[in-house]
N, C-alpha and C. Protein backbone atom coordinates (compact mmCIF):
# COMPACT_ATOMS: atom_id res chain seq x y z
N MET A 1 84.21 -124.44 -209.07
CA MET A 1 83.48 -123.36 -209.68
C MET A 1 83.86 -122.08 -208.95
N ILE A 2 84.22 -121.07 -209.66
CA ILE A 2 84.64 -119.80 -209.10
C ILE A 2 83.58 -118.76 -209.46
N PHE A 3 83.13 -118.02 -208.40
CA PHE A 3 82.16 -116.96 -208.63
C PHE A 3 82.91 -115.66 -208.82
N LYS A 4 82.55 -114.92 -209.83
CA LYS A 4 83.18 -113.63 -210.07
C LYS A 4 82.12 -112.55 -209.88
N LEU A 5 82.37 -111.68 -208.90
CA LEU A 5 81.50 -110.53 -208.70
C LEU A 5 82.27 -109.29 -209.10
N ASP A 6 81.65 -108.45 -209.84
CA ASP A 6 82.32 -107.21 -210.15
C ASP A 6 82.18 -106.24 -208.98
N PHE A 7 82.83 -105.13 -209.05
CA PHE A 7 82.86 -104.16 -207.96
C PHE A 7 81.47 -103.63 -207.64
N ARG A 8 80.65 -103.36 -208.65
CA ARG A 8 79.31 -102.84 -208.42
C ARG A 8 78.43 -103.85 -207.71
N GLY A 9 78.54 -105.10 -208.07
CA GLY A 9 77.75 -106.14 -207.42
C GLY A 9 78.13 -106.30 -205.96
N ALA A 10 79.43 -106.23 -205.65
CA ALA A 10 79.90 -106.34 -204.26
C ALA A 10 79.40 -105.17 -203.43
N MET A 11 79.43 -103.98 -204.01
CA MET A 11 78.94 -102.80 -203.29
C MET A 11 77.44 -102.88 -203.06
N LEU A 12 76.72 -103.40 -204.01
CA LEU A 12 75.28 -103.55 -203.88
C LEU A 12 74.94 -104.53 -202.76
N VAL A 13 75.64 -105.64 -202.68
CA VAL A 13 75.42 -106.63 -201.62
C VAL A 13 75.76 -106.03 -200.26
N ALA A 14 76.87 -105.30 -200.17
CA ALA A 14 77.27 -104.67 -198.90
C ALA A 14 76.25 -103.63 -198.46
N ALA A 15 75.74 -102.85 -199.39
CA ALA A 15 74.74 -101.83 -199.06
C ALA A 15 73.44 -102.49 -198.60
N ALA A 16 73.06 -103.58 -199.22
CA ALA A 16 71.83 -104.28 -198.82
C ALA A 16 71.97 -104.85 -197.42
N ILE A 17 73.11 -105.44 -197.12
CA ILE A 17 73.33 -106.00 -195.77
C ILE A 17 73.33 -104.89 -194.73
N THR A 18 74.00 -103.78 -195.01
CA THR A 18 74.03 -102.64 -194.08
C THR A 18 72.63 -102.10 -193.85
N GLY A 19 71.83 -101.98 -194.90
CA GLY A 19 70.46 -101.50 -194.76
C GLY A 19 69.61 -102.42 -193.91
N LEU A 20 69.75 -103.71 -194.09
CA LEU A 20 68.98 -104.66 -193.28
C LEU A 20 69.38 -104.62 -191.81
N VAL A 21 70.67 -104.45 -191.54
CA VAL A 21 71.14 -104.39 -190.15
C VAL A 21 70.61 -103.14 -189.46
N THR A 22 70.62 -102.00 -190.13
CA THR A 22 70.13 -100.77 -189.51
C THR A 22 68.62 -100.79 -189.32
N LEU A 23 67.89 -101.45 -190.20
CA LEU A 23 66.45 -101.55 -190.03
C LEU A 23 66.06 -102.55 -188.96
N ALA A 24 66.84 -103.58 -188.79
CA ALA A 24 66.51 -104.63 -187.83
C ALA A 24 66.75 -104.19 -186.40
N ALA A 25 67.68 -103.29 -186.14
CA ALA A 25 68.00 -102.86 -184.78
C ALA A 25 67.85 -101.34 -184.68
N PRO A 26 66.62 -100.86 -184.47
CA PRO A 26 66.44 -99.41 -184.37
C PRO A 26 67.01 -98.88 -183.06
N ALA A 27 67.41 -97.63 -183.07
CA ALA A 27 67.94 -97.01 -181.86
C ALA A 27 66.79 -96.81 -180.88
N ARG A 28 67.00 -97.22 -179.63
CA ARG A 28 65.95 -97.13 -178.62
C ARG A 28 66.43 -96.27 -177.47
N ALA A 29 65.54 -95.48 -176.96
CA ALA A 29 65.86 -94.69 -175.77
C ALA A 29 65.75 -95.59 -174.55
N ASP A 30 66.34 -95.15 -173.47
CA ASP A 30 66.30 -95.90 -172.23
C ASP A 30 64.85 -95.95 -171.73
N GLN A 31 64.42 -97.11 -171.27
CA GLN A 31 63.05 -97.29 -170.78
C GLN A 31 62.79 -96.37 -169.59
N CYS A 32 63.78 -96.20 -168.75
CA CYS A 32 63.62 -95.36 -167.57
C CYS A 32 63.38 -93.89 -167.97
N ASP A 33 64.09 -93.42 -168.99
CA ASP A 33 63.87 -92.06 -169.47
C ASP A 33 62.47 -91.90 -170.05
N ASP A 34 61.99 -92.93 -170.73
CA ASP A 34 60.63 -92.88 -171.27
C ASP A 34 59.59 -92.78 -170.15
N ILE A 35 59.78 -93.54 -169.09
CA ILE A 35 58.85 -93.49 -167.96
C ILE A 35 58.89 -92.12 -167.30
N ALA A 36 60.09 -91.54 -167.16
CA ALA A 36 60.21 -90.21 -166.56
C ALA A 36 59.50 -89.17 -167.40
N LYS A 37 59.58 -89.28 -168.71
CA LYS A 37 58.87 -88.34 -169.59
C LYS A 37 57.36 -88.51 -169.45
N GLN A 38 56.89 -89.76 -169.33
CA GLN A 38 55.47 -90.00 -169.14
C GLN A 38 55.00 -89.42 -167.81
N LEU A 39 55.81 -89.55 -166.78
CA LEU A 39 55.46 -88.98 -165.48
C LEU A 39 55.36 -87.47 -165.56
N ALA A 40 56.35 -86.84 -166.19
CA ALA A 40 56.34 -85.38 -166.30
C ALA A 40 55.15 -84.89 -167.13
N GLY A 41 54.76 -85.64 -168.13
CA GLY A 41 53.62 -85.26 -168.96
C GLY A 41 52.28 -85.57 -168.32
N GLY A 42 52.24 -86.57 -167.44
CA GLY A 42 50.98 -87.01 -166.87
C GLY A 42 50.62 -86.42 -165.52
N ILE A 43 51.59 -85.83 -164.82
CA ILE A 43 51.35 -85.28 -163.48
C ILE A 43 51.70 -83.81 -163.49
N ASP A 44 50.73 -82.97 -163.13
CA ASP A 44 50.96 -81.53 -163.10
C ASP A 44 51.95 -81.18 -161.99
N GLY A 45 52.91 -80.32 -162.31
CA GLY A 45 53.87 -79.85 -161.32
C GLY A 45 55.09 -80.74 -161.15
N LEU A 46 55.13 -81.89 -161.80
CA LEU A 46 56.26 -82.81 -161.67
C LEU A 46 57.34 -82.42 -162.67
N LYS A 47 58.58 -82.35 -162.18
CA LYS A 47 59.70 -82.00 -163.04
C LYS A 47 60.79 -83.06 -162.90
N VAL A 48 61.45 -83.36 -164.01
CA VAL A 48 62.56 -84.31 -164.01
C VAL A 48 63.82 -83.51 -163.77
N ASN A 49 64.56 -83.84 -162.68
CA ASN A 49 65.79 -83.12 -162.36
C ASN A 49 66.98 -83.68 -163.12
N PHE A 50 67.53 -84.77 -162.64
CA PHE A 50 68.71 -85.34 -163.27
C PHE A 50 68.75 -86.84 -163.03
N LYS A 51 69.64 -87.48 -163.79
CA LYS A 51 69.78 -88.93 -163.69
C LYS A 51 71.18 -89.23 -163.16
N ALA A 52 71.25 -90.10 -162.17
CA ALA A 52 72.53 -90.55 -161.63
C ALA A 52 72.47 -92.07 -161.52
N ALA A 53 73.35 -92.74 -162.23
CA ALA A 53 73.38 -94.20 -162.28
C ALA A 53 72.03 -94.69 -162.79
N ASN A 54 71.29 -95.45 -161.99
CA ASN A 54 69.99 -95.97 -162.41
C ASN A 54 68.84 -95.28 -161.71
N ILE A 55 69.05 -94.08 -161.21
CA ILE A 55 68.02 -93.35 -160.48
C ILE A 55 67.77 -92.00 -161.16
N ILE A 56 66.50 -91.70 -161.38
CA ILE A 56 66.12 -90.39 -161.90
C ILE A 56 65.44 -89.63 -160.77
N TYR A 57 65.98 -88.47 -160.44
CA TYR A 57 65.44 -87.65 -159.37
C TYR A 57 64.39 -86.71 -159.93
N LEU A 58 63.26 -86.64 -159.24
CA LEU A 58 62.12 -85.84 -159.66
C LEU A 58 61.78 -84.84 -158.57
N THR A 59 61.07 -83.78 -158.92
CA THR A 59 60.59 -82.82 -157.91
C THR A 59 59.11 -82.57 -158.11
N HIS A 60 58.45 -82.35 -156.99
CA HIS A 60 57.03 -82.01 -156.99
C HIS A 60 56.75 -81.26 -155.69
N PRO A 61 55.86 -80.27 -155.71
CA PRO A 61 55.59 -79.50 -154.49
C PRO A 61 55.02 -80.33 -153.33
N ALA A 62 54.37 -81.44 -153.61
CA ALA A 62 53.75 -82.23 -152.55
C ALA A 62 54.73 -83.18 -151.87
N ALA A 63 55.93 -83.36 -152.41
CA ALA A 63 56.88 -84.33 -151.85
C ALA A 63 58.21 -83.64 -151.54
N LYS A 64 58.84 -84.10 -150.45
CA LYS A 64 60.16 -83.59 -150.11
C LYS A 64 61.22 -84.23 -151.01
N GLU A 65 61.10 -85.52 -151.24
CA GLU A 65 61.99 -86.25 -152.13
C GLU A 65 61.14 -87.16 -153.01
N LEU A 66 61.58 -87.33 -154.24
CA LEU A 66 60.86 -88.19 -155.18
C LEU A 66 61.88 -88.72 -156.19
N SER A 67 61.90 -90.04 -156.35
CA SER A 67 62.85 -90.61 -157.30
C SER A 67 62.27 -91.87 -157.94
N LEU A 68 62.79 -92.14 -159.13
CA LEU A 68 62.41 -93.33 -159.90
C LEU A 68 63.67 -94.14 -160.10
N GLY A 69 63.69 -95.34 -159.55
CA GLY A 69 64.83 -96.23 -159.71
C GLY A 69 64.53 -97.26 -160.77
N CYS A 70 65.49 -97.47 -161.65
CA CYS A 70 65.29 -98.43 -162.73
C CYS A 70 66.19 -99.64 -162.52
N ARG A 71 65.77 -100.73 -163.09
CA ARG A 71 66.44 -102.01 -162.89
C ARG A 71 67.83 -102.01 -163.51
N ALA A 72 68.76 -102.55 -162.76
CA ALA A 72 70.10 -102.83 -163.27
C ALA A 72 70.30 -104.34 -163.21
N ARG A 73 71.40 -104.81 -163.72
CA ARG A 73 71.64 -106.25 -163.72
C ARG A 73 71.70 -106.80 -162.31
N GLY A 74 71.05 -107.93 -162.13
CA GLY A 74 71.12 -108.63 -160.86
C GLY A 74 70.14 -108.15 -159.81
N GLN A 75 69.38 -107.09 -160.07
CA GLN A 75 68.44 -106.63 -159.07
C GLN A 75 67.16 -107.45 -159.16
N ALA A 76 66.48 -107.57 -158.02
CA ALA A 76 65.31 -108.43 -157.94
C ALA A 76 64.02 -107.70 -158.31
N TYR A 77 64.06 -106.40 -158.55
CA TYR A 77 62.84 -105.67 -158.89
C TYR A 77 62.98 -105.01 -160.25
N SER A 78 61.85 -104.65 -160.84
CA SER A 78 61.88 -104.04 -162.16
C SER A 78 62.09 -102.53 -162.06
N ASN A 79 61.22 -101.82 -161.41
CA ASN A 79 61.33 -100.39 -161.19
C ASN A 79 60.97 -100.10 -159.75
N GLU A 80 61.37 -98.93 -159.27
CA GLU A 80 61.06 -98.55 -157.90
C GLU A 80 60.69 -97.08 -157.84
N LEU A 81 59.63 -96.77 -157.13
CA LEU A 81 59.25 -95.39 -156.87
C LEU A 81 59.50 -95.13 -155.40
N TYR A 82 60.22 -94.05 -155.11
CA TYR A 82 60.47 -93.66 -153.72
C TYR A 82 59.95 -92.25 -153.55
N ALA A 83 59.12 -92.05 -152.52
CA ALA A 83 58.56 -90.73 -152.25
C ALA A 83 58.63 -90.46 -150.75
N LYS A 84 59.03 -89.24 -150.39
CA LYS A 84 59.11 -88.84 -148.99
C LYS A 84 58.32 -87.56 -148.80
N GLY A 85 57.51 -87.54 -147.75
CA GLY A 85 56.70 -86.36 -147.45
C GLY A 85 56.69 -86.08 -145.97
N ASP A 86 55.75 -85.27 -145.54
CA ASP A 86 55.62 -84.95 -144.13
C ASP A 86 55.19 -86.17 -143.33
N ARG A 87 55.35 -86.10 -142.01
CA ARG A 87 54.97 -87.23 -141.15
C ARG A 87 53.49 -87.55 -141.29
N LYS A 88 52.66 -86.54 -141.41
CA LYS A 88 51.23 -86.72 -141.70
C LYS A 88 51.03 -86.36 -143.17
N PRO A 89 51.03 -87.34 -144.06
CA PRO A 89 50.93 -87.03 -145.49
C PRO A 89 49.63 -86.32 -145.85
N THR A 90 49.74 -85.41 -146.79
CA THR A 90 48.58 -84.65 -147.25
C THR A 90 47.86 -85.43 -148.36
N PRO A 91 46.63 -85.07 -148.67
CA PRO A 91 45.93 -85.71 -149.79
C PRO A 91 46.66 -85.53 -151.12
N GLN A 92 47.36 -84.39 -151.29
CA GLN A 92 48.13 -84.17 -152.51
C GLN A 92 49.28 -85.18 -152.62
N PHE A 93 49.89 -85.53 -151.49
CA PHE A 93 50.97 -86.52 -151.49
C PHE A 93 50.43 -87.90 -151.90
N TYR A 94 49.29 -88.28 -151.33
CA TYR A 94 48.67 -89.56 -151.70
C TYR A 94 48.34 -89.58 -153.20
N ASP A 95 47.82 -88.48 -153.71
CA ASP A 95 47.47 -88.40 -155.12
C ASP A 95 48.71 -88.49 -156.00
N LEU A 96 49.79 -87.82 -155.60
CA LEU A 96 51.04 -87.88 -156.34
C LEU A 96 51.59 -89.31 -156.40
N VAL A 97 51.63 -89.97 -155.26
CA VAL A 97 52.15 -91.34 -155.21
C VAL A 97 51.27 -92.27 -156.04
N ALA A 98 49.97 -92.13 -155.93
CA ALA A 98 49.05 -92.99 -156.68
C ALA A 98 49.18 -92.76 -158.19
N SER A 99 49.26 -91.52 -158.61
CA SER A 99 49.39 -91.21 -160.04
C SER A 99 50.71 -91.74 -160.60
N ALA A 100 51.79 -91.51 -159.88
CA ALA A 100 53.10 -91.97 -160.35
C ALA A 100 53.16 -93.49 -160.40
N THR A 101 52.62 -94.15 -159.40
CA THR A 101 52.62 -95.61 -159.37
C THR A 101 51.77 -96.18 -160.50
N ALA A 102 50.65 -95.55 -160.77
CA ALA A 102 49.79 -96.01 -161.85
C ALA A 102 50.49 -95.91 -163.20
N ILE A 103 51.26 -94.85 -163.41
CA ILE A 103 51.97 -94.69 -164.68
C ILE A 103 53.14 -95.67 -164.78
N ILE A 104 53.91 -95.81 -163.71
CA ILE A 104 55.11 -96.65 -163.75
C ILE A 104 54.77 -98.12 -163.89
N PHE A 105 53.82 -98.60 -163.10
CA PHE A 105 53.53 -100.03 -163.05
C PHE A 105 52.29 -100.43 -163.83
N THR A 106 51.66 -99.52 -164.52
CA THR A 106 50.44 -99.75 -165.30
C THR A 106 49.37 -100.50 -164.51
N VAL A 107 49.03 -99.92 -163.38
CA VAL A 107 47.96 -100.41 -162.52
C VAL A 107 46.96 -99.26 -162.43
N THR A 108 45.71 -99.55 -162.13
CA THR A 108 44.72 -98.48 -162.05
C THR A 108 45.04 -97.55 -160.88
N LYS A 109 44.67 -96.30 -161.04
CA LYS A 109 44.95 -95.30 -160.00
C LYS A 109 44.18 -95.59 -158.72
N ASP A 110 42.98 -96.12 -158.84
CA ASP A 110 42.21 -96.46 -157.64
C ASP A 110 42.93 -97.50 -156.78
N ASP A 111 43.49 -98.52 -157.44
CA ASP A 111 44.22 -99.56 -156.71
C ASP A 111 45.48 -99.01 -156.05
N THR A 112 46.20 -98.16 -156.77
CA THR A 112 47.42 -97.61 -156.18
C THR A 112 47.12 -96.64 -155.05
N THR A 113 46.02 -95.91 -155.17
CA THR A 113 45.62 -95.01 -154.08
C THR A 113 45.29 -95.82 -152.83
N THR A 114 44.54 -96.89 -153.01
CA THR A 114 44.17 -97.75 -151.87
C THR A 114 45.41 -98.35 -151.22
N GLY A 115 46.33 -98.88 -152.02
CA GLY A 115 47.53 -99.50 -151.47
C GLY A 115 48.43 -98.53 -150.74
N ALA A 116 48.68 -97.36 -151.33
CA ALA A 116 49.54 -96.37 -150.70
C ALA A 116 48.92 -95.82 -149.42
N THR A 117 47.63 -95.59 -149.45
CA THR A 117 46.94 -95.08 -148.26
C THR A 117 46.99 -96.11 -147.13
N ARG A 118 46.73 -97.38 -147.43
CA ARG A 118 46.79 -98.41 -146.40
C ARG A 118 48.18 -98.52 -145.80
N CYS A 119 49.18 -98.49 -146.64
CA CYS A 119 50.56 -98.64 -146.15
C CYS A 119 50.94 -97.47 -145.25
N LEU A 120 50.67 -96.25 -145.70
CA LEU A 120 51.08 -95.08 -144.92
C LEU A 120 50.26 -94.91 -143.64
N LYS A 121 49.01 -95.34 -143.66
CA LYS A 121 48.18 -95.17 -142.47
C LYS A 121 48.35 -96.30 -141.45
N ARG A 122 48.98 -97.41 -141.84
CA ARG A 122 49.19 -98.50 -140.90
C ARG A 122 50.31 -98.21 -139.91
N MET A 123 51.19 -97.32 -140.24
CA MET A 123 52.28 -97.00 -139.32
C MET A 123 51.71 -96.33 -138.08
N GLY A 124 52.19 -96.74 -136.94
CA GLY A 124 51.69 -96.14 -135.71
C GLY A 124 52.15 -96.91 -134.50
N LEU A 125 51.43 -96.74 -133.43
CA LEU A 125 51.80 -97.31 -132.14
C LEU A 125 51.77 -98.84 -132.17
N LEU A 126 50.77 -99.42 -132.79
CA LEU A 126 50.64 -100.87 -132.79
C LEU A 126 51.58 -101.57 -133.77
N ARG A 127 51.74 -101.06 -134.97
CA ARG A 127 52.53 -101.74 -135.99
C ARG A 127 53.95 -101.20 -136.13
N GLY A 128 54.27 -100.11 -135.49
CA GLY A 128 55.61 -99.57 -135.54
C GLY A 128 55.81 -98.56 -136.65
N ASP A 129 57.07 -98.16 -136.82
CA ASP A 129 57.40 -97.12 -137.79
C ASP A 129 57.86 -97.67 -139.13
N LYS A 130 57.81 -98.97 -139.31
CA LYS A 130 58.16 -99.57 -140.60
C LYS A 130 57.13 -100.65 -140.92
N VAL A 131 56.45 -100.46 -142.05
CA VAL A 131 55.40 -101.39 -142.47
C VAL A 131 55.74 -101.88 -143.87
N THR A 132 55.72 -103.19 -144.03
CA THR A 132 55.92 -103.80 -145.34
C THR A 132 54.66 -104.56 -145.71
N MET A 133 54.14 -104.29 -146.90
CA MET A 133 52.93 -104.97 -147.33
C MET A 133 52.95 -105.21 -148.83
N ARG A 134 52.04 -106.03 -149.27
CA ARG A 134 51.90 -106.36 -150.69
C ARG A 134 50.46 -106.09 -151.08
N TYR A 135 50.28 -105.36 -152.18
CA TYR A 135 48.94 -105.04 -152.64
C TYR A 135 48.95 -105.00 -154.17
N LYS A 136 48.09 -105.77 -154.78
CA LYS A 136 47.93 -105.84 -156.24
C LYS A 136 49.28 -106.07 -156.93
N ARG A 137 50.01 -107.07 -156.48
CA ARG A 137 51.31 -107.48 -157.02
C ARG A 137 52.38 -106.41 -156.90
N LEU A 138 52.20 -105.44 -156.01
CA LEU A 138 53.20 -104.41 -155.74
C LEU A 138 53.69 -104.57 -154.30
N ASN A 139 55.00 -104.46 -154.12
CA ASN A 139 55.58 -104.48 -152.78
C ASN A 139 55.68 -103.04 -152.30
N MET A 140 55.14 -102.77 -151.12
CA MET A 140 55.17 -101.42 -150.56
C MET A 140 55.85 -101.46 -149.21
N GLU A 141 56.79 -100.54 -149.02
CA GLU A 141 57.48 -100.44 -147.74
C GLU A 141 57.38 -98.99 -147.27
N CYS A 142 56.71 -98.79 -146.15
CA CYS A 142 56.52 -97.46 -145.61
C CYS A 142 57.33 -97.32 -144.32
N THR A 143 58.01 -96.21 -144.19
CA THR A 143 58.77 -95.92 -142.97
C THR A 143 58.50 -94.49 -142.56
N ARG A 144 58.68 -94.23 -141.27
CA ARG A 144 58.53 -92.85 -140.81
C ARG A 144 59.54 -92.57 -139.71
N THR A 145 59.90 -91.31 -139.63
CA THR A 145 60.76 -90.81 -138.57
C THR A 145 59.98 -89.76 -137.81
N LYS A 146 60.65 -88.98 -136.99
CA LYS A 146 59.94 -87.95 -136.23
C LYS A 146 59.39 -86.84 -137.11
N THR A 147 60.00 -86.64 -138.28
CA THR A 147 59.57 -85.53 -139.13
C THR A 147 59.06 -85.96 -140.51
N ASP A 148 59.41 -87.17 -140.97
CA ASP A 148 59.09 -87.58 -142.34
C ASP A 148 58.39 -88.92 -142.39
N ALA A 149 57.68 -89.13 -143.48
CA ALA A 149 57.13 -90.45 -143.81
C ALA A 149 57.49 -90.73 -145.27
N SER A 150 57.89 -91.96 -145.56
CA SER A 150 58.28 -92.29 -146.93
C SER A 150 57.67 -93.62 -147.34
N ILE A 151 57.58 -93.79 -148.65
CA ILE A 151 57.05 -95.02 -149.21
C ILE A 151 57.92 -95.42 -150.40
N ALA A 152 58.24 -96.70 -150.47
CA ALA A 152 58.98 -97.26 -151.61
C ALA A 152 58.11 -98.36 -152.21
N ILE A 153 57.85 -98.26 -153.49
CA ILE A 153 56.98 -99.21 -154.18
C ILE A 153 57.78 -99.90 -155.28
N THR A 154 57.77 -101.23 -155.27
CA THR A 154 58.48 -102.01 -156.27
C THR A 154 57.58 -103.14 -156.77
N ARG A 155 58.00 -103.72 -157.88
CA ARG A 155 57.36 -104.92 -158.40
C ARG A 155 58.48 -105.91 -158.74
N PRO A 156 58.37 -107.15 -158.28
CA PRO A 156 59.41 -108.13 -158.60
C PRO A 156 59.52 -108.35 -160.11
N LYS A 157 60.70 -108.75 -160.57
CA LYS A 157 60.95 -108.93 -161.99
C LYS A 157 60.09 -110.02 -162.60
N ASP A 158 59.80 -111.05 -161.83
CA ASP A 158 59.10 -112.21 -162.39
C ASP A 158 57.59 -112.01 -162.51
N GLU A 159 57.08 -110.84 -162.18
CA GLU A 159 55.63 -110.61 -162.27
C GLU A 159 55.30 -109.57 -163.30
């Protein structure tokens, strides 16, 4: 049995298949860019600078350095927030870190404030200049030098 399709029928079938393919796979923006836009919209004074590889650099008056790292293939974490401030962090720095962490990892701001404050305040004579802790399924690593204190917050991919 031989099927005969005329030219109009073939074009109609091709157009239908093309339409289904374009509807099934909509164009999506990068998840990291979406998070950066949410951060800029949700935190006063925060500006998105530029993106290099999988890192988006941000600026805010309360932080010396601020960046959002996004997951690439083979990495063990989903997203990472890195913030660097003065050796004695100000309340504005704590608020910035807590707000950004709450937006990135969808955790309550109260929990992120508590975790960041505990991590940054544990550094000292007894525990040293590098503290690693886990709070509310977030990994926090705080380090300090003679002039700066920084915090890196990540969440493992499997959580």
